[in-house]
Amino acid sequence: MTQEDTKSLFLQFINTFNVALTKHKETIVYKQMLELGEKILGNKIIGVEVYSENESSSVAYYTIRLNAGTFDVVSHKQEKSELVWKLKDTYLQHVVDNPHDYVEHPEKFEWDWLKSYIGM
């Protein structure tokens, strides 16, 4: 997978993630998680490492920020961040290939990275 392919895949993934968050923003668990995330994260940036086979060897790096209940892409490169979210490229592909499933059932997304950071 080329760097451009990975970038396109990540952007489609984050768009699906944001659509799901927007659709379920009034659902109590997501509302609480996002409100607490906004409070704790504030204006901090989040690093996103995309890896292929080995989690310790990233193939792409992005920087995002939680902003009003969705995630904005800040940069398509590595920047210093307090929190790092590691995502396998095959997981991204699965989300992109099945967006309806994830939009309708946001619990299918990997939430552990955020839950552990905000203490949920």
C-alpha atoms as a PDB file:
ATOM      1  CA  MET A   1       0.000   0.000   0.000  1.00  0.00           C
ATOM      2  CA  THR A   2       1.447   3.374  -0.984  1.00  0.00           C
ATOM      3  CA  GLN A   3       1.555   6.421   1.262  1.00  0.00           C
ATOM      4  CA  GLU A   4      -1.239   8.020  -0.825  1.00  0.00           C
ATOM      5  CA  ASP A   5      -3.368   4.862  -0.513  1.00  0.00           C
ATOM      6  CA  THR A   6      -2.909   4.902   3.253  1.00  0.00           C
ATOM      7  CA  LYS A   7      -3.766   8.608   3.410  1.00  0.00           C
ATOM      8  CA  SER A   8      -6.960   8.084   1.402  1.00  0.00           C
ATOM      9  CA  LEU A   9      -7.883   5.084   3.559  1.00  0.00           C
ATOM     10  CA  PHE A  10      -7.319   7.028   6.774  1.00  0.00           C
ATOM     11  CA  LEU A  11      -9.353  10.014   5.560  1.00  0.00           C
ATOM     12  CA  GLN A  12     -12.255   7.728   4.621  1.00  0.00           C
ATOM     13  CA  PHE A  13     -11.968   6.036   8.022  1.00  0.00           C
ATOM     14  CA  ILE A  14     -11.994   9.308   9.983  1.00  0.00           C
ATOM     15  CA  ASN A  15     -14.961  10.513   7.932  1.00  0.00           C
ATOM     16  CA  THR A  16     -16.923   7.343   8.787  1.00  0.00           C
ATOM     17  CA  PHE A  17     -15.904   7.739  12.442  1.00  0.00           C
ATOM     18  CA  ASN A  18     -17.144  11.335  12.462  1.00  0.00           C
ATOM     19  CA  VAL A  19     -20.435  10.441  10.756  1.00  0.00           C
ATOM     20  CA  ALA A  20     -21.037   7.820  13.464  1.00  0.00           C
ATOM     21  CA  LEU A  21     -20.163  10.277  16.238  1.00  0.00           C
ATOM     22  CA  THR A  22     -22.484  12.915  14.807  1.00  0.00           C
ATOM     23  CA  LYS A  23     -25.339  10.443  14.397  1.00  0.00           C
ATOM     24  CA  HIS A  24     -25.001   9.143  17.971  1.00  0.00           C
ATOM     25  CA  LYS A  25     -23.887  12.326  19.741  1.00  0.00           C
ATOM     26  CA  GLU A  26     -26.994  12.339  21.941  1.00  0.00           C
ATOM     27  CA  THR A  27     -26.641   8.686  22.949  1.00  0.00           C
ATOM     28  CA  ILE A  28     -25.669   8.851  26.605  1.00  0.00           C
ATOM     29  CA  VAL A  29     -22.460   6.783  26.453  1.00  0.00           C
ATOM     30  CA  TYR A  30     -21.027   8.691  23.467  1.00  0.00           C
ATOM     31  CA  LYS A  31     -22.226  12.040  24.771  1.00  0.00           C
ATOM     32  CA  GLN A  32     -20.478  11.417  28.107  1.00  0.00           C
ATOM     33  CA  MET A  33     -17.333  10.068  26.471  1.00  0.00           C
ATOM     34  CA  LEU A  34     -17.046  13.008  24.074  1.00  0.00           C
ATOM     35  CA  GLU A  35     -17.793  15.617  26.742  1.00  0.00           C
ATOM     36  CA  LEU A  36     -15.198  14.087  29.049  1.00  0.00           C
ATOM     37  CA  GLY A  37     -12.784  13.770  26.111  1.00  0.00           C
ATOM     38  CA  GLU A  38     -13.210  17.464  25.261  1.00  0.00           C
ATOM     39  CA  LYS A  39     -12.661  18.407  28.910  1.00  0.00           C
ATOM     40  CA  ILE A  40      -9.539  16.261  29.402  1.00  0.00           C
ATOM     41  CA  LEU A  41      -8.032  16.594  25.933  1.00  0.00           C
ATOM     42  CA  GLY A  42      -8.858  20.274  25.531  1.00  0.00           C
ATOM     43  CA  ASN A  43      -6.952  21.457  22.506  1.00  0.00           C
ATOM     44  CA  LYS A  44      -4.339  18.675  22.643  1.00  0.00           C
ATOM     45  CA  ILE A  45      -3.389  16.853  19.500  1.00  0.00           C
ATOM     46  CA  ILE A  46      -3.655  13.097  19.106  1.00  0.00           C
ATOM     47  CA  GLY A  47      -1.139  11.117  17.122  1.00  0.00           C
ATOM     48  CA  VAL A  48      -2.473   8.330  14.920  1.00  0.00           C
ATOM     49  CA  GLU A  49      -0.026   5.643  13.876  1.00  0.00           C
ATOM     50  CA  VAL A  50      -1.121   3.325  11.103  1.00  0.00           C
ATOM     51  CA  TYR A  51       0.759   0.045  10.961  1.00  0.00           C
ATOM     52  CA  SER A  52       0.600  -2.952   8.669  1.00  0.00           C
ATOM     53  CA  GLU A  53       2.052  -6.094  10.232  1.00  0.00           C
ATOM     54  CA  ASN A  54       4.096  -4.984  13.225  1.00  0.00           C
ATOM     55  CA  GLU A  55       2.589  -2.493  15.681  1.00  0.00           C
ATOM     56  CA  SER A  56       6.036  -1.108  16.456  1.00  0.00           C
ATOM     57  CA  SER A  57       6.649  -0.176  12.805  1.00  0.00           C
ATOM     58  CA  SER A  58       4.215   2.449  11.510  1.00  0.00           C
ATOM     59  CA  VAL A  59       3.558   2.936   7.796  1.00  0.00           C
ATOM     60  CA  ALA A  60       1.860   6.324   8.201  1.00  0.00           C
ATOM     61  CA  TYR A  61       1.314   8.924  10.862  1.00  0.00           C
ATOM     62  CA  TYR A  62      -1.418  11.541  11.203  1.00  0.00           C
ATOM     63  CA  THR A  63      -2.337  14.136  13.762  1.00  0.00           C
ATOM     64  CA  ILE A  64      -5.938  14.755  14.792  1.00  0.00           C
ATOM     65  CA  ARG A  65      -7.778  16.848  17.373  1.00  0.00           C
ATOM     66  CA  LEU A  66     -11.139  16.364  19.079  1.00  0.00           C
ATOM     67  CA  ASN A  67     -13.240  19.391  18.201  1.00  0.00           C
ATOM     68  CA  ALA A  68     -16.918  19.797  19.127  1.00  0.00           C
ATOM     69  CA  GLY A  69     -17.623  16.075  19.120  1.00  0.00           C
ATOM     70  CA  THR A  70     -15.755  15.032  15.986  1.00  0.00           C
ATOM     71  CA  PHE A  71     -12.127  14.612  14.994  1.00  0.00           C
ATOM     72  CA  ASP A  72     -10.341  17.093  12.752  1.00  0.00           C
ATOM     73  CA  VAL A  73      -7.256  16.066  10.821  1.00  0.00           C
ATOM     74  CA  VAL A  74      -4.563  18.550  11.826  1.00  0.00           C
ATOM     75  CA  SER A  75      -1.648  17.153   9.868  1.00  0.00           C
ATOM     76  CA  HIS A  76      -0.620  14.284   7.621  1.00  0.00           C
ATOM     77  CA  LYS A  77       2.672  13.889   9.437  1.00  0.00           C
ATOM     78  CA  GLN A  78       3.988  13.071  12.868  1.00  0.00           C
ATOM     79  CA  GLU A  79       3.819  15.825  15.444  1.00  0.00           C
ATOM     80  CA  LYS A  80       4.478  15.708  19.148  1.00  0.00           C
ATOM     81  CA  SER A  81       1.384  14.405  20.901  1.00  0.00           C
ATOM     82  CA  GLU A  82       0.412  13.261  24.379  1.00  0.00           C
ATOM     83  CA  LEU A  83      -1.848  10.478  23.175  1.00  0.00           C
ATOM     84  CA  VAL A  84      -1.185   7.996  20.372  1.00  0.00           C
ATOM     85  CA  TRP A  85      -3.875   5.898  18.730  1.00  0.00           C
ATOM     86  CA  LYS A  86      -2.464   2.863  16.900  1.00  0.00           C
ATOM     87  CA  LEU A  87      -4.549   1.461  14.053  1.00  0.00           C
ATOM     88  CA  LYS A  88      -3.888  -1.524  11.834  1.00  0.00           C
ATOM     89  CA  ASP A  89      -4.370  -0.863   8.128  1.00  0.00           C
ATOM     90  CA  THR A  90      -6.627  -3.915   7.753  1.00  0.00           C
ATOM     91  CA  TYR A  91      -8.930  -2.512  10.473  1.00  0.00           C
ATOM     92  CA  LEU A  92      -9.123   0.799   8.584  1.00  0.00           C
ATOM     93  CA  GLN A  93      -9.942  -1.101   5.404  1.00  0.00           C
ATOM     94  CA  HIS A  94     -12.670  -3.087   7.169  1.00  0.00           C
ATOM     95  CA  VAL A  95     -14.315   0.116   8.434  1.00  0.00           C
ATOM     96  CA  VAL A  96     -14.099   1.746   5.010  1.00  0.00           C
ATOM     97  CA  ASP A  97     -15.517  -1.376   3.345  1.00  0.00           C
ATOM     98  CA  ASN A  98     -18.406  -1.544   5.850  1.00  0.00           C
ATOM     99  CA  PRO A  99     -19.236   2.063   6.768  1.00  0.00           C
ATOM    100  CA  HIS A 100     -22.932   1.423   7.378  1.00  0.00           C
ATOM    101  CA  ASP A 101     -22.157  -1.192  10.058  1.00  0.00           C
ATOM    102  CA  TYR A 102     -19.915   1.235  11.931  1.00  0.00           C
ATOM    103  CA  VAL A 103     -22.211   4.236  11.563  1.00  0.00           C
ATOM    104  CA  GLU A 104     -25.172   2.238  12.845  1.00  0.00           C
ATOM    105  CA  HIS A 105     -23.139   0.456  15.560  1.00  0.00           C
ATOM    106  CA  PRO A 106     -20.351   2.770  16.750  1.00  0.00           C
ATOM    107  CA  GLU A 107     -19.485   0.335  19.548  1.00  0.00           C
ATOM    108  CA  LYS A 108     -17.660  -1.617  16.821  1.00  0.00           C
ATOM    109  CA  PHE A 109     -14.999   1.099  16.654  1.00  0.00           C
ATOM    110  CA  GLU A 110     -11.873   0.649  18.755  1.00  0.00           C
ATOM    111  CA  TRP A 111     -12.519   2.913  21.750  1.00  0.00           C
ATOM    112  CA  ASP A 112      -9.963   1.586  24.265  1.00  0.00           C
ATOM    113  CA  TRP A 113      -7.360   4.227  23.395  1.00  0.00           C
ATOM    114  CA  LEU A 114      -9.753   7.063  24.349  1.00  0.00           C
ATOM    115  CA  LYS A 115     -11.458   5.316  27.255  1.00  0.00           C
ATOM    116  CA  SER A 116      -8.166   4.545  28.970  1.00  0.00           C
ATOM    117  CA  TYR A 117      -6.880   8.095  28.462  1.00  0.00           C
ATOM    118  CA  ILE A 118      -9.970   9.756  29.937  1.00  0.00           C
ATOM    119  CA  GLY A 119     -10.415   7.150  32.685  1.00  0.00           C
ATOM    120  CA  MET A 120     -13.586   5.393  31.560  1.00  0.00           C
END
